[in-house]
Amino acid sequence: LIELMIVVAIVGIIAGIAYPSYVEQVRKSTRSDAKVLISEVAQLMQRCFTAQSTYKPAAAGICDVVDKATAAAGILSKEGVYQAKLSSAATDYTTSKYLLKVTPVSTKRQAQDTSCATFTLDQAGVKKAYNKSNVETTDQCW
């Protein structure tokens, strides 16, 4: 019985160490969904600008990506874990500049990711990431 209790204790300790590591690895691998989303939306934004010479919502004609990115729901990733929106903090995004912000959907597991909570990309291709406290963590996340 003592040997069995020792085995149970060892298994419990290993599980206590392994599970948090597993959860963190899942979070890291799911971040690729954010990177794919932000790259795809940025590519569509650039195509729109090339065709219409503007990022202005509704004035972009056939380019509805701008309208979707400014809507309240934003653009969801393929996995439905992240959403992309045009940041209102970007100066003059409607004509020649934009700042895409990708954040986790609040009801999904990735919302618990505190180290890489927000990904951003601007029209110049500058990539940044921020944690929940809004401190830049680009080196860890990209």
Protein backbone atom coordinates (compact mmCIF):
# COMPACT_ATOMS: atom_id res chain seq x y z
CA LEU A 1 0.00 0.00 0.00
CA ILE A 2 2.88 2.37 0.78
CA GLU A 3 4.46 1.65 -2.59
CA LEU A 4 1.15 2.41 -4.31
CA MET A 5 0.84 5.71 -2.43
CA ILE A 6 4.39 6.66 -3.43
CA VAL A 7 3.56 5.96 -7.10
CA VAL A 8 0.36 8.02 -6.84
CA ALA A 9 2.31 10.90 -5.25
CA ILE A 10 4.97 10.77 -7.99
CA VAL A 11 2.33 10.73 -10.73
CA GLY A 12 0.59 13.68 -9.04
CA ILE A 13 3.81 15.69 -8.91
CA ILE A 14 4.64 14.96 -12.54
CA ALA A 15 1.09 15.87 -13.61
CA GLY A 16 1.29 19.10 -11.59
CA ILE A 17 4.41 20.10 -13.48
CA ALA A 18 3.48 18.76 -16.92
CA TYR A 19 -0.05 20.17 -17.26
CA PRO A 20 0.89 23.87 -17.03
CA SER A 21 3.69 23.28 -19.54
CA TYR A 22 1.24 21.55 -21.87
CA VAL A 23 -1.26 24.42 -21.60
CA GLU A 24 1.48 26.96 -22.37
CA GLN A 25 2.57 24.98 -25.45
CA VAL A 26 -1.02 24.91 -26.70
CA ARG A 27 -1.23 28.70 -26.26
CA LYS A 28 2.04 29.19 -28.14
CA SER A 29 0.92 27.01 -31.02
CA THR A 30 -2.46 28.77 -31.24
CA ARG A 31 -0.70 32.13 -31.62
CA SER A 32 0.08 31.09 -35.19
CA ASP A 33 -3.62 31.63 -35.90
CA ALA A 34 -3.17 35.31 -34.99
CA LYS A 35 -0.10 35.65 -37.17
CA VAL A 36 -1.83 34.08 -40.17
CA LEU A 37 -4.90 36.30 -39.69
CA ILE A 38 -2.94 39.53 -39.40
CA SER A 39 -0.85 38.67 -42.47
CA GLU A 40 -3.88 37.78 -44.59
CA VAL A 41 -5.80 40.91 -43.63
CA ALA A 42 -2.73 43.10 -44.23
CA GLN A 43 -2.29 41.55 -47.67
CA LEU A 44 -5.94 42.28 -48.51
CA MET A 45 -5.53 45.84 -47.21
CA GLN A 46 -2.50 46.35 -49.47
CA ARG A 47 -4.37 44.96 -52.48
CA CYS A 48 -7.21 47.34 -51.73
CA PHE A 49 -4.84 50.30 -51.46
CA THR A 50 -3.15 49.35 -54.71
CA ALA A 51 -6.48 49.17 -56.52
CA GLN A 52 -8.26 52.14 -54.90
CA SER A 53 -5.44 54.32 -53.45
CA THR A 54 -7.25 54.49 -50.12
CA TYR A 55 -8.03 52.49 -47.00
CA LYS A 56 -11.17 54.53 -46.44
CA PRO A 57 -14.18 52.38 -45.48
CA ALA A 58 -16.94 52.11 -48.10
CA ALA A 59 -14.96 54.30 -50.54
CA ALA A 60 -12.71 51.41 -51.39
CA GLY A 61 -15.29 50.04 -53.80
CA ILE A 62 -14.83 46.32 -54.25
CA CYS A 63 -12.50 46.05 -51.25
CA ASP A 64 -14.82 45.10 -48.40
CA VAL A 65 -11.95 44.06 -46.12
CA VAL A 66 -11.71 47.64 -44.85
CA ASP A 67 -15.40 47.70 -43.97
CA LYS A 68 -15.16 44.34 -42.21
CA ALA A 69 -12.05 45.39 -40.27
CA THR A 70 -13.76 48.55 -39.01
CA ALA A 71 -16.97 46.76 -38.00
CA ALA A 72 -17.60 45.88 -34.36
CA ALA A 73 -17.16 42.15 -34.98
CA GLY A 74 -13.95 42.58 -36.93
CA ILE A 75 -12.58 39.73 -39.01
CA LEU A 76 -12.41 36.33 -37.31
CA SER A 77 -9.53 33.92 -37.80
CA LYS A 78 -10.11 30.54 -39.40
CA GLU A 79 -10.06 28.86 -36.00
CA GLY A 80 -12.35 31.54 -34.56
CA VAL A 81 -9.90 32.25 -31.75
CA TYR A 82 -8.70 35.72 -32.82
CA GLN A 83 -10.31 38.79 -34.35
CA ALA A 84 -8.65 41.53 -36.40
CA LYS A 85 -9.74 45.14 -36.34
CA LEU A 86 -8.40 48.42 -37.59
CA SER A 87 -7.22 50.39 -34.61
CA SER A 88 -8.74 53.82 -34.18
CA ALA A 89 -5.46 54.85 -32.56
CA ALA A 90 -3.77 54.84 -35.97
CA THR A 91 -3.53 58.33 -37.36
CA ASP A 92 -5.27 58.85 -40.67
CA TYR A 93 -5.77 55.14 -41.38
CA THR A 94 -8.55 55.91 -43.81
CA THR A 95 -6.29 57.32 -46.50
CA SER A 96 -2.71 56.10 -46.37
CA LYS A 97 -2.01 54.52 -42.99
CA TYR A 98 -3.48 51.75 -40.89
CA LEU A 99 -2.78 49.77 -37.76
CA LEU A 100 -4.23 46.27 -37.58
CA LYS A 101 -4.83 44.90 -34.11
CA VAL A 102 -5.43 41.21 -33.48
CA THR A 103 -6.81 40.17 -30.11
CA PRO A 104 -8.20 36.90 -28.78
CA VAL A 105 -11.95 36.42 -28.73
CA SER A 106 -12.95 36.84 -25.08
CA THR A 107 -14.89 33.57 -24.91
CA LYS A 108 -12.07 31.40 -26.27
CA ARG A 109 -9.19 29.71 -24.42
CA GLN A 110 -6.63 32.07 -25.91
CA ALA A 111 -8.10 34.96 -23.91
CA GLN A 112 -6.07 33.56 -20.98
CA ASP A 113 -2.81 34.23 -22.84
CA THR A 114 -1.28 36.99 -20.74
CA SER A 115 2.14 37.18 -22.41
CA CYS A 116 0.98 37.73 -26.01
CA ALA A 117 -2.45 39.32 -25.71
CA THR A 118 -2.33 41.67 -28.72
CA PHE A 119 -0.56 41.55 -32.07
CA THR A 120 -0.26 44.64 -34.28
CA LEU A 121 0.89 45.32 -37.82
CA ASP A 122 0.96 48.63 -39.66
CA GLN A 123 1.10 49.57 -43.34
CA ALA A 124 4.92 49.69 -43.21
CA GLY A 125 5.10 46.08 -42.03
CA VAL A 126 6.11 46.88 -38.44
CA LYS A 127 5.08 43.93 -36.25
CA LYS A 128 4.59 44.29 -32.51
CA ALA A 129 3.05 42.29 -29.70
CA TYR A 130 1.87 43.31 -26.24
CA ASN A 131 1.00 41.47 -23.04
CA LYS A 132 -2.16 42.01 -20.95
CA SER A 133 -0.49 44.97 -19.20
CA ASN A 134 0.16 46.59 -22.61
CA VAL A 135 3.93 46.13 -22.30
CA GLU A 136 5.67 45.29 -25.57
CA THR A 137 6.65 41.60 -25.86
CA THR A 138 7.46 41.46 -29.57
CA ASP A 139 10.61 39.33 -29.15
CA GLN A 140 8.69 36.59 -27.32
CA CYS A 141 5.62 36.53 -29.52
CA TRP A 142 6.72 37.08 -33.12
